[in-house]
N, C-alpha and C. Protein backbone atom coordinates (compact mmCIF):
# COMPACT_ATOMS: atom_id res chain seq x y z
N MET A 1 128.75 108.89 151.86
CA MET A 1 129.14 108.83 150.46
C MET A 1 129.69 107.45 150.10
N GLU A 2 130.50 106.90 151.03
CA GLU A 2 131.05 105.58 150.77
C GLU A 2 129.95 104.53 150.70
N ARG A 3 128.95 104.64 151.60
CA ARG A 3 127.84 103.69 151.58
C ARG A 3 127.05 103.83 150.28
N SER A 4 126.86 105.09 149.83
CA SER A 4 126.12 105.33 148.59
C SER A 4 126.85 104.75 147.39
N ALA A 5 128.17 104.94 147.33
CA ALA A 5 128.96 104.40 146.22
C ALA A 5 128.93 102.88 146.22
N ALA A 6 129.04 102.29 147.41
CA ALA A 6 128.99 100.83 147.50
C ALA A 6 127.64 100.30 147.06
N SER A 7 126.57 101.04 147.42
CA SER A 7 125.23 100.61 147.02
C SER A 7 125.08 100.64 145.51
N GLU A 8 125.67 101.67 144.85
CA GLU A 8 125.55 101.78 143.40
C GLU A 8 126.28 100.64 142.71
N GLN A 9 127.37 100.15 143.32
CA GLN A 9 128.07 99.02 142.73
C GLN A 9 127.18 97.78 142.72
N ILE A 10 126.31 97.66 143.74
CA ILE A 10 125.43 96.51 143.82
C ILE A 10 124.23 96.69 142.89
N GLU A 11 123.56 97.83 142.99
CA GLU A 11 122.40 98.12 142.17
C GLU A 11 122.46 99.59 141.76
N PRO A 12 122.87 99.89 140.51
CA PRO A 12 122.99 101.30 140.09
C PRO A 12 121.65 102.01 140.19
N ARG A 13 121.71 103.25 140.59
CA ARG A 13 120.49 104.04 140.75
C ARG A 13 120.76 105.46 140.29
N GLY A 14 119.72 106.24 140.20
CA GLY A 14 119.85 107.62 139.76
C GLY A 14 119.40 107.76 138.31
N SER A 15 120.02 108.70 137.58
CA SER A 15 119.58 108.98 136.22
C SER A 15 120.75 109.04 135.26
N LEU A 16 120.46 108.75 134.00
CA LEU A 16 121.41 108.85 132.91
C LEU A 16 120.76 109.62 131.77
N THR A 17 121.58 110.38 131.04
CA THR A 17 121.11 111.04 129.84
C THR A 17 121.87 110.46 128.66
N VAL A 18 121.12 109.99 127.68
CA VAL A 18 121.68 109.33 126.50
C VAL A 18 121.16 110.04 125.26
N THR A 19 122.01 110.18 124.25
CA THR A 19 121.56 110.80 123.00
C THR A 19 121.95 109.94 121.81
N ALA A 20 121.17 110.06 120.73
CA ALA A 20 121.41 109.31 119.50
C ALA A 20 120.71 110.03 118.36
N PRO A 21 121.11 109.76 117.10
CA PRO A 21 120.37 110.31 115.97
C PRO A 21 118.91 109.85 116.01
N GLU A 22 118.01 110.69 115.50
CA GLU A 22 116.58 110.46 115.69
C GLU A 22 116.11 109.10 115.21
N MET A 23 116.35 108.75 113.95
CA MET A 23 115.81 107.49 113.44
C MET A 23 116.57 106.29 113.99
N PHE A 24 117.89 106.36 114.03
CA PHE A 24 118.67 105.26 114.59
C PHE A 24 118.29 105.06 116.06
N GLY A 25 118.10 106.16 116.77
CA GLY A 25 117.72 106.06 118.17
C GLY A 25 116.37 105.40 118.36
N ARG A 26 115.42 105.78 117.53
CA ARG A 26 114.07 105.20 117.64
C ARG A 26 114.08 103.72 117.31
N LEU A 27 114.82 103.34 116.27
CA LEU A 27 114.81 101.95 115.83
C LEU A 27 115.71 101.04 116.67
N HIS A 28 116.85 101.56 117.13
CA HIS A 28 117.86 100.67 117.70
C HIS A 28 118.33 101.03 119.11
N VAL A 29 118.32 102.32 119.47
CA VAL A 29 118.79 102.69 120.81
C VAL A 29 117.66 102.62 121.83
N LEU A 30 116.46 103.01 121.44
CA LEU A 30 115.33 102.91 122.37
C LEU A 30 115.13 101.49 122.89
N PRO A 31 115.18 100.44 122.03
CA PRO A 31 115.09 99.08 122.58
C PRO A 31 116.22 98.74 123.56
N VAL A 32 117.42 99.27 123.30
CA VAL A 32 118.54 99.06 124.23
C VAL A 32 118.22 99.69 125.58
N VAL A 33 117.71 100.91 125.54
CA VAL A 33 117.36 101.62 126.78
C VAL A 33 116.28 100.86 127.54
N GLN A 34 115.27 100.41 126.82
CA GLN A 34 114.15 99.72 127.50
C GLN A 34 114.60 98.40 128.13
N SER A 35 115.45 97.66 127.43
CA SER A 35 115.91 96.40 128.01
C SER A 35 116.82 96.65 129.21
N PHE A 36 117.59 97.74 129.17
CA PHE A 36 118.46 98.08 130.30
C PHE A 36 117.62 98.49 131.51
N LEU A 37 116.59 99.30 131.28
CA LEU A 37 115.72 99.71 132.38
C LEU A 37 115.00 98.51 133.01
N ALA A 38 114.67 97.54 132.19
CA ALA A 38 114.01 96.34 132.71
C ALA A 38 114.91 95.57 133.67
N GLN A 39 116.24 95.70 133.47
CA GLN A 39 117.19 95.00 134.32
C GLN A 39 117.54 95.78 135.58
N HIS A 40 117.35 97.10 135.55
CA HIS A 40 117.80 97.96 136.65
C HIS A 40 116.66 98.89 137.06
N GLY A 41 115.87 98.43 138.01
CA GLY A 41 114.67 99.14 138.39
C GLY A 41 114.89 100.44 139.12
N ALA A 42 116.10 100.71 139.60
CA ALA A 42 116.36 101.95 140.35
C ALA A 42 116.91 103.06 139.46
N LEU A 43 116.98 102.82 138.15
CA LEU A 43 117.55 103.81 137.24
C LEU A 43 116.47 104.52 136.44
N ARG A 44 116.77 105.76 136.05
CA ARG A 44 115.94 106.53 135.13
C ARG A 44 116.84 106.98 133.97
N ILE A 45 116.29 106.99 132.76
CA ILE A 45 117.07 107.41 131.59
C ILE A 45 116.29 108.45 130.79
N SER A 46 116.97 109.53 130.43
CA SER A 46 116.43 110.51 129.49
C SER A 46 117.10 110.24 128.14
N LEU A 47 116.31 109.89 127.14
CA LEU A 47 116.84 109.60 125.81
C LEU A 47 116.52 110.77 124.89
N LEU A 48 117.57 111.43 124.40
CA LEU A 48 117.42 112.59 123.52
C LEU A 48 117.73 112.16 122.09
N LEU A 49 116.73 112.15 121.23
CA LEU A 49 116.90 111.77 119.84
C LEU A 49 117.02 113.05 119.01
N LEU A 50 118.25 113.35 118.60
CA LEU A 50 118.55 114.64 117.97
C LEU A 50 119.47 114.43 116.78
N ASP A 51 119.11 115.03 115.66
CA ASP A 51 119.95 114.95 114.47
C ASP A 51 120.92 116.13 114.43
N ARG A 52 121.68 116.28 115.47
CA ARG A 52 122.75 117.28 115.54
C ARG A 52 123.81 116.75 116.48
N VAL A 53 125.00 117.34 116.38
CA VAL A 53 126.09 116.93 117.27
C VAL A 53 125.87 117.57 118.63
N VAL A 54 125.77 116.75 119.66
CA VAL A 54 125.53 117.21 121.02
C VAL A 54 126.86 117.29 121.76
N SER A 55 127.08 118.38 122.46
CA SER A 55 128.25 118.50 123.32
C SER A 55 127.96 117.77 124.63
N LEU A 56 128.62 116.63 124.82
CA LEU A 56 128.30 115.83 125.99
C LEU A 56 128.55 116.58 127.29
N VAL A 57 129.69 117.25 127.38
CA VAL A 57 130.04 117.93 128.63
C VAL A 57 129.14 119.14 128.84
N ASP A 58 128.98 119.99 127.82
CA ASP A 58 128.21 121.22 127.98
C ASP A 58 126.72 120.96 128.20
N GLU A 59 126.21 119.86 127.64
CA GLU A 59 124.78 119.59 127.72
C GLU A 59 124.44 118.49 128.71
N GLY A 60 125.43 118.07 129.48
CA GLY A 60 125.16 117.11 130.56
C GLY A 60 124.73 115.74 130.09
N VAL A 61 125.33 115.26 129.00
CA VAL A 61 124.98 113.95 128.45
C VAL A 61 126.02 112.92 128.89
N ASP A 62 125.54 111.77 129.33
CA ASP A 62 126.44 110.73 129.83
C ASP A 62 126.98 109.84 128.72
N VAL A 63 126.12 109.47 127.79
CA VAL A 63 126.50 108.53 126.73
C VAL A 63 125.84 108.97 125.43
N ALA A 64 126.56 108.83 124.32
CA ALA A 64 125.99 109.16 123.02
C ALA A 64 126.29 108.05 122.03
N VAL A 65 125.40 107.91 121.05
CA VAL A 65 125.65 107.03 119.91
C VAL A 65 125.76 107.93 118.69
N ARG A 66 126.85 107.79 117.95
CA ARG A 66 127.06 108.63 116.77
C ARG A 66 127.42 107.77 115.57
N ILE A 67 126.88 108.18 114.42
CA ILE A 67 127.19 107.52 113.16
C ILE A 67 127.98 108.51 112.34
N ALA A 68 129.30 108.38 112.35
CA ALA A 68 130.16 109.35 111.68
C ALA A 68 131.61 108.93 111.85
N HIS A 69 132.46 109.48 110.99
CA HIS A 69 133.90 109.39 111.19
C HIS A 69 134.26 110.48 112.21
N LEU A 70 134.65 110.07 113.39
CA LEU A 70 134.82 111.01 114.49
C LEU A 70 136.17 111.73 114.41
N PRO A 71 136.16 113.04 114.65
CA PRO A 71 137.44 113.75 114.76
C PRO A 71 138.11 113.41 116.09
N ASP A 72 139.39 113.68 116.19
CA ASP A 72 140.08 113.48 117.46
C ASP A 72 139.47 114.40 118.52
N SER A 73 139.26 113.87 119.70
CA SER A 73 138.68 114.67 120.78
C SER A 73 139.02 114.03 122.11
N SER A 74 138.54 114.65 123.17
CA SER A 74 138.77 114.12 124.51
C SER A 74 137.75 113.05 124.88
N LEU A 75 136.84 112.73 123.97
CA LEU A 75 135.82 111.73 124.24
C LEU A 75 136.37 110.32 124.01
N ARG A 76 135.84 109.38 124.76
CA ARG A 76 136.18 107.97 124.55
C ARG A 76 135.15 107.38 123.59
N ALA A 77 135.62 106.70 122.55
CA ALA A 77 134.72 106.14 121.53
C ALA A 77 134.93 104.64 121.42
N ILE A 78 133.83 103.90 121.38
CA ILE A 78 133.86 102.44 121.22
C ILE A 78 133.15 102.11 119.92
N HIS A 79 133.89 101.51 119.00
CA HIS A 79 133.33 101.16 117.69
C HIS A 79 132.46 99.92 117.82
N VAL A 80 131.19 100.02 117.39
CA VAL A 80 130.28 98.88 117.55
C VAL A 80 129.82 98.31 116.21
N GLY A 81 130.14 98.96 115.11
CA GLY A 81 129.71 98.44 113.82
C GLY A 81 129.76 99.50 112.76
N ASP A 82 129.17 99.20 111.61
CA ASP A 82 129.20 100.10 110.47
C ASP A 82 127.88 100.04 109.72
N VAL A 83 127.56 101.13 109.03
CA VAL A 83 126.43 101.15 108.10
C VAL A 83 126.91 101.79 106.81
N ARG A 84 126.12 101.64 105.76
CA ARG A 84 126.47 102.22 104.47
C ARG A 84 125.47 103.29 104.06
N ARG A 85 125.93 104.19 103.22
CA ARG A 85 125.02 105.08 102.50
C ARG A 85 124.58 104.34 101.25
N VAL A 86 123.26 104.22 101.06
CA VAL A 86 122.74 103.47 99.92
C VAL A 86 121.75 104.34 99.15
N VAL A 87 121.53 103.98 97.89
CA VAL A 87 120.60 104.71 97.03
C VAL A 87 119.45 103.78 96.69
N CYS A 88 118.23 104.27 96.87
CA CYS A 88 117.05 103.42 96.72
C CYS A 88 115.94 104.15 95.96
N ALA A 89 115.04 103.37 95.42
CA ALA A 89 113.81 103.88 94.80
C ALA A 89 112.79 102.76 94.80
N SER A 90 111.54 103.10 94.53
CA SER A 90 110.52 102.06 94.45
C SER A 90 110.63 101.32 93.13
N ALA A 91 110.17 100.09 93.10
CA ALA A 91 110.21 99.31 91.86
C ALA A 91 109.35 99.96 90.79
N ARG A 92 108.25 100.56 91.19
CA ARG A 92 107.36 101.21 90.22
C ARG A 92 108.04 102.42 89.58
N TYR A 93 108.75 103.20 90.39
CA TYR A 93 109.47 104.35 89.83
C TYR A 93 110.53 103.87 88.84
N LEU A 94 111.30 102.86 89.20
CA LEU A 94 112.36 102.36 88.33
C LEU A 94 111.80 101.76 87.05
N ALA A 95 110.64 101.11 87.13
CA ALA A 95 110.02 100.55 85.94
C ALA A 95 109.60 101.65 84.97
N ALA A 96 109.16 102.77 85.55
CA ALA A 96 108.68 103.87 84.70
C ALA A 96 109.83 104.72 84.15
N ARG A 97 110.89 104.90 84.94
CA ARG A 97 111.95 105.84 84.57
C ARG A 97 113.27 105.18 84.22
N GLY A 98 113.40 103.90 84.46
CA GLY A 98 114.65 103.22 84.21
C GLY A 98 115.55 103.24 85.43
N THR A 99 116.52 102.32 85.47
CA THR A 99 117.44 102.21 86.59
C THR A 99 118.78 102.86 86.23
N PRO A 100 119.20 103.88 86.98
CA PRO A 100 120.49 104.51 86.67
C PRO A 100 121.64 103.54 86.89
N GLY A 101 122.66 103.63 86.02
CA GLY A 101 123.81 102.75 86.14
C GLY A 101 125.00 103.41 86.80
N THR A 102 125.03 104.76 86.80
CA THR A 102 126.11 105.52 87.43
C THR A 102 125.52 106.71 88.15
N LEU A 103 126.33 107.34 89.00
CA LEU A 103 125.87 108.53 89.71
C LEU A 103 125.51 109.67 88.75
N LYS A 104 126.21 109.74 87.62
CA LYS A 104 125.91 110.79 86.65
C LYS A 104 124.51 110.63 86.07
N ASP A 105 124.02 109.41 86.01
CA ASP A 105 122.69 109.16 85.47
C ASP A 105 121.59 109.78 86.33
N LEU A 106 121.91 110.09 87.59
CA LEU A 106 120.91 110.67 88.48
C LEU A 106 120.45 112.04 88.00
N ALA A 107 121.23 112.68 87.15
CA ALA A 107 120.87 114.01 86.65
C ALA A 107 119.55 113.98 85.87
N SER A 108 119.20 112.83 85.32
CA SER A 108 117.96 112.73 84.55
C SER A 108 116.83 112.10 85.36
N HIS A 109 117.01 112.00 86.67
CA HIS A 109 115.99 111.39 87.53
C HIS A 109 115.46 112.38 88.56
N ASP A 110 114.32 112.03 89.14
CA ASP A 110 113.78 112.79 90.26
C ASP A 110 114.49 112.33 91.52
N VAL A 111 115.21 113.24 92.16
CA VAL A 111 115.98 112.92 93.34
C VAL A 111 115.36 113.60 94.56
N ILE A 112 115.27 112.86 95.65
CA ILE A 112 114.73 113.38 96.92
C ILE A 112 115.91 113.57 97.88
N THR A 113 116.05 114.76 98.43
CA THR A 113 117.16 115.02 99.36
C THR A 113 116.61 115.53 100.69
N VAL A 114 117.47 115.43 101.69
CA VAL A 114 117.13 115.87 103.04
C VAL A 114 118.00 117.07 103.40
N LEU A 115 117.39 118.10 103.96
CA LEU A 115 118.13 119.28 104.37
C LEU A 115 119.18 118.91 105.41
N GLY A 116 120.28 119.65 105.42
CA GLY A 116 121.30 119.45 106.44
C GLY A 116 122.62 119.02 105.83
N ALA A 117 123.68 119.26 106.61
CA ALA A 117 125.02 118.90 106.14
C ALA A 117 125.25 117.41 106.32
N PRO A 118 126.09 116.79 105.47
CA PRO A 118 126.43 115.38 105.67
C PRO A 118 127.26 115.20 106.92
N PRO A 119 127.33 113.98 107.47
CA PRO A 119 128.12 113.73 108.68
C PRO A 119 129.58 114.12 108.47
N ALA A 120 130.28 114.36 109.58
CA ALA A 120 131.69 114.73 109.52
C ALA A 120 132.49 113.69 108.76
N GLY A 121 133.38 114.17 107.87
CA GLY A 121 134.24 113.27 107.13
C GLY A 121 133.61 112.63 105.92
N GLU A 122 132.37 113.00 105.59
CA GLU A 122 131.68 112.38 104.46
C GLU A 122 131.31 113.44 103.43
N ARG A 123 131.55 113.13 102.17
CA ARG A 123 131.19 114.03 101.09
C ARG A 123 129.91 113.55 100.43
N ARG A 124 128.99 114.47 100.20
CA ARG A 124 127.73 114.13 99.56
C ARG A 124 127.90 114.25 98.05
N PRO A 125 127.48 113.23 97.28
CA PRO A 125 127.63 113.32 95.84
C PRO A 125 126.81 114.47 95.27
N GLN A 126 127.32 115.07 94.21
CA GLN A 126 126.62 116.18 93.57
C GLN A 126 125.48 115.63 92.71
N MET A 127 124.26 115.95 93.08
CA MET A 127 123.12 115.55 92.27
C MET A 127 121.98 116.52 92.55
N GLY A 128 121.27 116.87 91.48
CA GLY A 128 120.17 117.81 91.63
C GLY A 128 119.04 117.20 92.42
N SER A 129 118.10 118.04 92.84
CA SER A 129 117.00 117.56 93.65
C SER A 129 115.69 118.16 93.15
N ARG A 130 114.70 117.30 92.97
CA ARG A 130 113.37 117.78 92.60
C ARG A 130 112.52 118.02 93.84
N LEU A 131 112.80 117.26 94.91
CA LEU A 131 112.08 117.41 96.17
C LEU A 131 113.08 117.44 97.32
N THR A 132 112.95 118.45 98.17
CA THR A 132 113.79 118.54 99.37
C THR A 132 112.88 118.55 100.59
N VAL A 133 113.20 117.72 101.58
CA VAL A 133 112.41 117.64 102.81
C VAL A 133 113.35 117.80 103.99
N ASN A 134 112.79 117.97 105.17
CA ASN A 134 113.65 118.22 106.33
C ASN A 134 113.74 117.05 107.29
N THR A 135 113.14 115.91 106.95
CA THR A 135 113.31 114.71 107.78
C THR A 135 113.57 113.50 106.89
N MET A 136 114.32 112.57 107.42
CA MET A 136 114.62 111.35 106.67
C MET A 136 113.38 110.52 106.45
N GLN A 137 112.48 110.50 107.43
CA GLN A 137 111.26 109.71 107.27
C GLN A 137 110.41 110.23 106.13
N ALA A 138 110.34 111.55 105.97
CA ALA A 138 109.60 112.13 104.86
C ALA A 138 110.23 111.75 103.52
N ALA A 139 111.56 111.72 103.47
CA ALA A 139 112.25 111.33 102.24
C ALA A 139 111.94 109.88 101.89
N LEU A 140 111.96 109.01 102.88
CA LEU A 140 111.63 107.60 102.65
C LEU A 140 110.18 107.45 102.20
N ASP A 141 109.29 108.17 102.86
CA ASP A 141 107.87 108.10 102.48
C ASP A 141 107.67 108.51 101.03
N ALA A 142 108.37 109.58 100.61
CA ALA A 142 108.24 110.06 99.24
C ALA A 142 108.77 109.02 98.25
N ALA A 143 109.89 108.40 98.58
CA ALA A 143 110.46 107.39 97.68
C ALA A 143 109.54 106.17 97.58
N ILE A 144 109.00 105.73 98.70
CA ILE A 144 108.08 104.59 98.70
C ILE A 144 106.84 104.89 97.87
N ALA A 145 106.43 106.16 97.87
CA ALA A 145 105.26 106.59 97.10
C ALA A 145 105.61 106.90 95.65
N ASN A 146 106.74 106.37 95.17
CA ASN A 146 107.16 106.48 93.77
C ASN A 146 107.58 107.89 93.39
N GLY A 147 108.03 108.66 94.39
CA GLY A 147 108.39 110.05 94.14
C GLY A 147 109.79 110.28 93.62
N GLY A 148 110.64 109.25 93.62
CA GLY A 148 111.99 109.45 93.12
C GLY A 148 113.01 108.59 93.82
N ILE A 149 114.25 109.01 93.70
CA ILE A 149 115.40 108.27 94.22
C ILE A 149 115.91 108.97 95.48
N VAL A 150 116.25 108.19 96.50
CA VAL A 150 116.69 108.75 97.77
C VAL A 150 117.97 108.07 98.21
N ARG A 151 118.81 108.82 98.90
CA ARG A 151 120.06 108.29 99.46
C ARG A 151 119.95 108.30 100.98
N VAL A 152 120.08 107.14 101.59
CA VAL A 152 119.86 106.99 103.03
C VAL A 152 120.91 106.04 103.59
N PHE A 153 120.91 105.89 104.92
CA PHE A 153 121.73 104.85 105.53
C PHE A 153 121.06 103.49 105.33
N SER A 154 121.88 102.46 105.25
CA SER A 154 121.35 101.11 105.02
C SER A 154 120.35 100.69 106.09
N TYR A 155 120.57 101.07 107.34
CA TYR A 155 119.63 100.68 108.39
C TYR A 155 118.28 101.36 108.22
N GLN A 156 118.26 102.55 107.59
CA GLN A 156 117.01 103.27 107.39
C GLN A 156 116.16 102.63 106.30
N ALA A 157 116.82 102.00 105.34
CA ALA A 157 116.10 101.38 104.23
C ALA A 157 115.84 99.90 104.43
N ALA A 158 116.49 99.28 105.41
CA ALA A 158 116.48 97.82 105.52
C ALA A 158 115.07 97.23 105.57
N ALA A 159 114.21 97.74 106.45
CA ALA A 159 112.86 97.18 106.58
C ALA A 159 112.05 97.39 105.30
N HIS A 160 112.25 98.53 104.65
CA HIS A 160 111.51 98.82 103.42
C HIS A 160 112.01 97.95 102.26
N GLU A 161 113.30 97.64 102.25
CA GLU A 161 113.82 96.71 101.25
C GLU A 161 113.24 95.32 101.47
N ALA A 162 113.23 94.89 102.73
CA ALA A 162 112.71 93.56 103.05
C ALA A 162 111.24 93.42 102.68
N ALA A 163 110.49 94.52 102.82
CA ALA A 163 109.05 94.50 102.51
C ALA A 163 108.78 94.66 101.02
N GLY A 164 109.84 94.97 100.24
CA GLY A 164 109.65 95.17 98.81
C GLY A 164 109.22 96.57 98.43
N ASP A 165 109.22 97.49 99.39
CA ASP A 165 108.80 98.87 99.09
C ASP A 165 109.89 99.68 98.41
N LEU A 166 111.15 99.33 98.65
CA LEU A 166 112.28 100.02 98.05
C LEU A 166 113.27 99.01 97.48
N THR A 167 113.93 99.43 96.41
CA THR A 167 114.95 98.61 95.77
C THR A 167 116.27 99.36 95.80
N ARG A 168 117.34 98.71 96.26
CA ARG A 168 118.64 99.36 96.29
C ARG A 168 119.28 99.33 94.91
N ILE A 169 119.84 100.45 94.52
CA ILE A 169 120.48 100.56 93.22
C ILE A 169 121.89 101.13 93.40
N LEU A 170 122.66 101.14 92.33
CA LEU A 170 124.01 101.72 92.34
C LEU A 170 124.90 101.10 93.42
N ARG A 171 124.78 99.81 93.62
CA ARG A 171 125.57 99.15 94.68
C ARG A 171 127.07 99.28 94.44
N ASP A 172 127.48 99.27 93.18
CA ASP A 172 128.91 99.36 92.88
C ASP A 172 129.47 100.76 93.12
N HIS A 173 128.62 101.71 93.42
CA HIS A 173 129.05 103.10 93.62
C HIS A 173 128.87 103.55 95.07
N GLU A 174 128.60 102.61 95.97
CA GLU A 174 128.42 102.98 97.37
C GLU A 174 129.75 103.36 98.01
N PRO A 175 129.78 104.41 98.81
CA PRO A 175 131.03 104.79 99.49
C PRO A 175 131.37 103.81 100.60
N ALA A 176 132.54 104.01 101.19
CA ALA A 176 132.98 103.14 102.28
C ALA A 176 131.99 103.22 103.45
N PRO A 177 131.90 102.16 104.25
CA PRO A 177 130.98 102.18 105.39
C PRO A 177 131.28 103.32 106.36
N VAL A 178 130.25 103.75 107.07
CA VAL A 178 130.37 104.80 108.09
C VAL A 178 130.30 104.12 109.46
N PRO A 179 131.24 104.41 110.36
CA PRO A 179 131.26 103.71 111.65
C PRO A 179 130.19 104.20 112.62
N ILE A 180 129.74 103.28 113.46
CA ILE A 180 128.85 103.60 114.58
C ILE A 180 129.69 103.52 115.85
N HIS A 181 129.62 104.55 116.69
CA HIS A 181 130.37 104.57 117.94
C HIS A 181 129.43 104.83 119.12
N VAL A 182 129.75 104.21 120.24
CA VAL A 182 129.20 104.61 121.54
C VAL A 182 130.28 105.44 122.21
N ILE A 183 129.94 106.67 122.59
CA ILE A 183 130.96 107.57 123.14
C ILE A 183 130.54 108.08 124.51
N HIS A 184 131.55 108.47 125.29
CA HIS A 184 131.30 109.06 126.60
C HIS A 184 132.48 109.95 126.96
N PRO A 185 132.30 110.89 127.87
CA PRO A 185 133.42 111.75 128.26
C PRO A 185 134.55 110.93 128.87
N ALA A 186 135.77 111.33 128.56
CA ALA A 186 136.92 110.63 129.12
C ALA A 186 137.05 110.95 130.60
N GLY A 187 137.56 110.02 131.36
CA GLY A 187 137.75 110.23 132.79
C GLY A 187 138.00 108.91 133.48
N ARG A 188 138.71 108.99 134.59
CA ARG A 188 139.05 107.76 135.31
C ARG A 188 137.86 107.18 136.05
N HIS A 189 136.98 108.04 136.53
CA HIS A 189 135.91 107.59 137.43
C HIS A 189 134.57 107.59 136.70
N LEU A 190 134.39 106.62 135.81
CA LEU A 190 133.13 106.46 135.12
C LEU A 190 132.12 105.84 136.09
N PRO A 191 130.99 106.51 136.32
CA PRO A 191 130.00 105.96 137.26
C PRO A 191 129.56 104.56 136.84
N ALA A 192 129.25 103.75 137.83
CA ALA A 192 128.85 102.37 137.53
C ALA A 192 127.63 102.32 136.63
N LYS A 193 126.67 103.23 136.81
CA LYS A 193 125.45 103.22 136.00
C LYS A 193 125.78 103.48 134.53
N ALA A 194 126.73 104.41 134.27
CA ALA A 194 127.14 104.69 132.89
C ALA A 194 127.93 103.52 132.32
N ARG A 195 128.83 102.97 133.12
CA ARG A 195 129.64 101.84 132.65
C ARG A 195 128.76 100.66 132.28
N LEU A 196 127.78 100.35 133.11
CA LEU A 196 126.90 99.23 132.84
C LEU A 196 126.06 99.47 131.59
N PHE A 197 125.57 100.71 131.42
CA PHE A 197 124.79 101.00 130.22
C PHE A 197 125.64 100.91 128.97
N ILE A 198 126.87 101.41 129.04
CA ILE A 198 127.77 101.32 127.89
C ILE A 198 128.04 99.86 127.53
N GLU A 199 128.33 99.03 128.53
CA GLU A 199 128.58 97.61 128.27
C GLU A 199 127.36 96.96 127.62
N HIS A 200 126.18 97.28 128.13
CA HIS A 200 124.95 96.70 127.58
C HIS A 200 124.72 97.16 126.14
N SER A 201 124.85 98.45 125.89
CA SER A 201 124.58 98.98 124.56
C SER A 201 125.61 98.48 123.55
N VAL A 202 126.88 98.40 123.95
CA VAL A 202 127.91 97.89 123.05
C VAL A 202 127.62 96.43 122.67
N THR A 203 127.23 95.63 123.63
CA THR A 203 126.92 94.22 123.36
C THR A 203 125.77 94.09 122.37
N VAL A 204 124.69 94.84 122.60
CA VAL A 204 123.50 94.72 121.75
C VAL A 204 123.77 95.28 120.35
N LEU A 205 124.39 96.45 120.27
CA LEU A 205 124.61 97.06 118.96
C LEU A 205 125.63 96.29 118.14
N ARG A 206 126.65 95.73 118.80
CA ARG A 206 127.62 94.93 118.04
C ARG A 206 126.98 93.67 117.48
N ALA A 207 126.03 93.11 118.19
CA ALA A 207 125.34 91.92 117.69
C ALA A 207 124.56 92.24 116.42
N LYS A 208 124.09 93.49 116.29
CA LYS A 208 123.31 93.89 115.11
C LYS A 208 124.20 94.42 113.99
N PHE A 209 125.24 95.19 114.35
CA PHE A 209 125.98 95.94 113.34
C PHE A 209 127.47 95.60 113.29
N GLY A 210 127.91 94.64 114.08
CA GLY A 210 129.33 94.37 114.18
C GLY A 210 129.93 93.65 112.99
N HIS A 211 129.08 93.06 112.15
CA HIS A 211 129.60 92.41 110.95
C HIS A 211 129.75 93.46 109.85
N ALA A 212 130.36 93.08 108.75
CA ALA A 212 130.56 94.02 107.65
C ALA A 212 129.23 94.61 107.22
N ALA A 213 129.22 95.92 107.01
CA ALA A 213 128.00 96.61 106.59
C ALA A 213 127.54 96.05 105.26
N SER A 214 126.24 95.79 105.16
CA SER A 214 125.71 95.21 103.92
C SER A 214 124.86 96.21 103.16
C-alpha cells in the first residue's frame, strides 16, 4: 500500500468521476478533462454531464462543477468565476416586434422558457411563455430561428452573440452574477489524482471566468 501511494504521488493512476451541468460541461469542462488526460496517461475519467444536483458522496463522484449560490454543506467549494443570466433574441425578431425596455414589456412578446427549477438561491422573473422546451440548446435554437426571447447564462449565449445570431437586451435589468464553483467532498486525505485535477480545473476555469462576469 505504501509503494502504491508513493507511486501515485509520482504519476497518479486509476479513475476519477467528474460531473458538471450539461452545456457548461460540454463547452468548458470537457476540454479541461481532455487536457488533463493528455498530461496523465495512467488516469481514466468518467465525465457525467447532468442538469441536476448530484450527491457526490452517495453517487461516488470525486469532483463537481456547479453554477449556483451554494448552501452551507460539508463539501469544499472553490470559487473560480461568475456568469450572468442574460436575455437575448435574434435581430430579426427584435426588428419585427420591437425591443423591450423593461421586464414588464416581455408580457407582449413571444418568450421561450426551459422546463425545470431555477438554480438554488435564484428567483426566475415572472413572464409568460409561448414556447416551452426541455433543453437549453433547443431554447437557443428557437431564439436563433426568430422564435422569441430567451433567458440563458452568458456563457451559453456568448458564441451566438459573437456570430451575430443573438442580441443581448435588458442589460440594465440583469440580476447579480451567479458563481461557478469546483467542489469536492471534505476530508483530510484528498487523493493525489483528485487534488491534481482540481488544481488543473481551477487554473483553467479561472482564466476563462475569473474576471467580472460580462
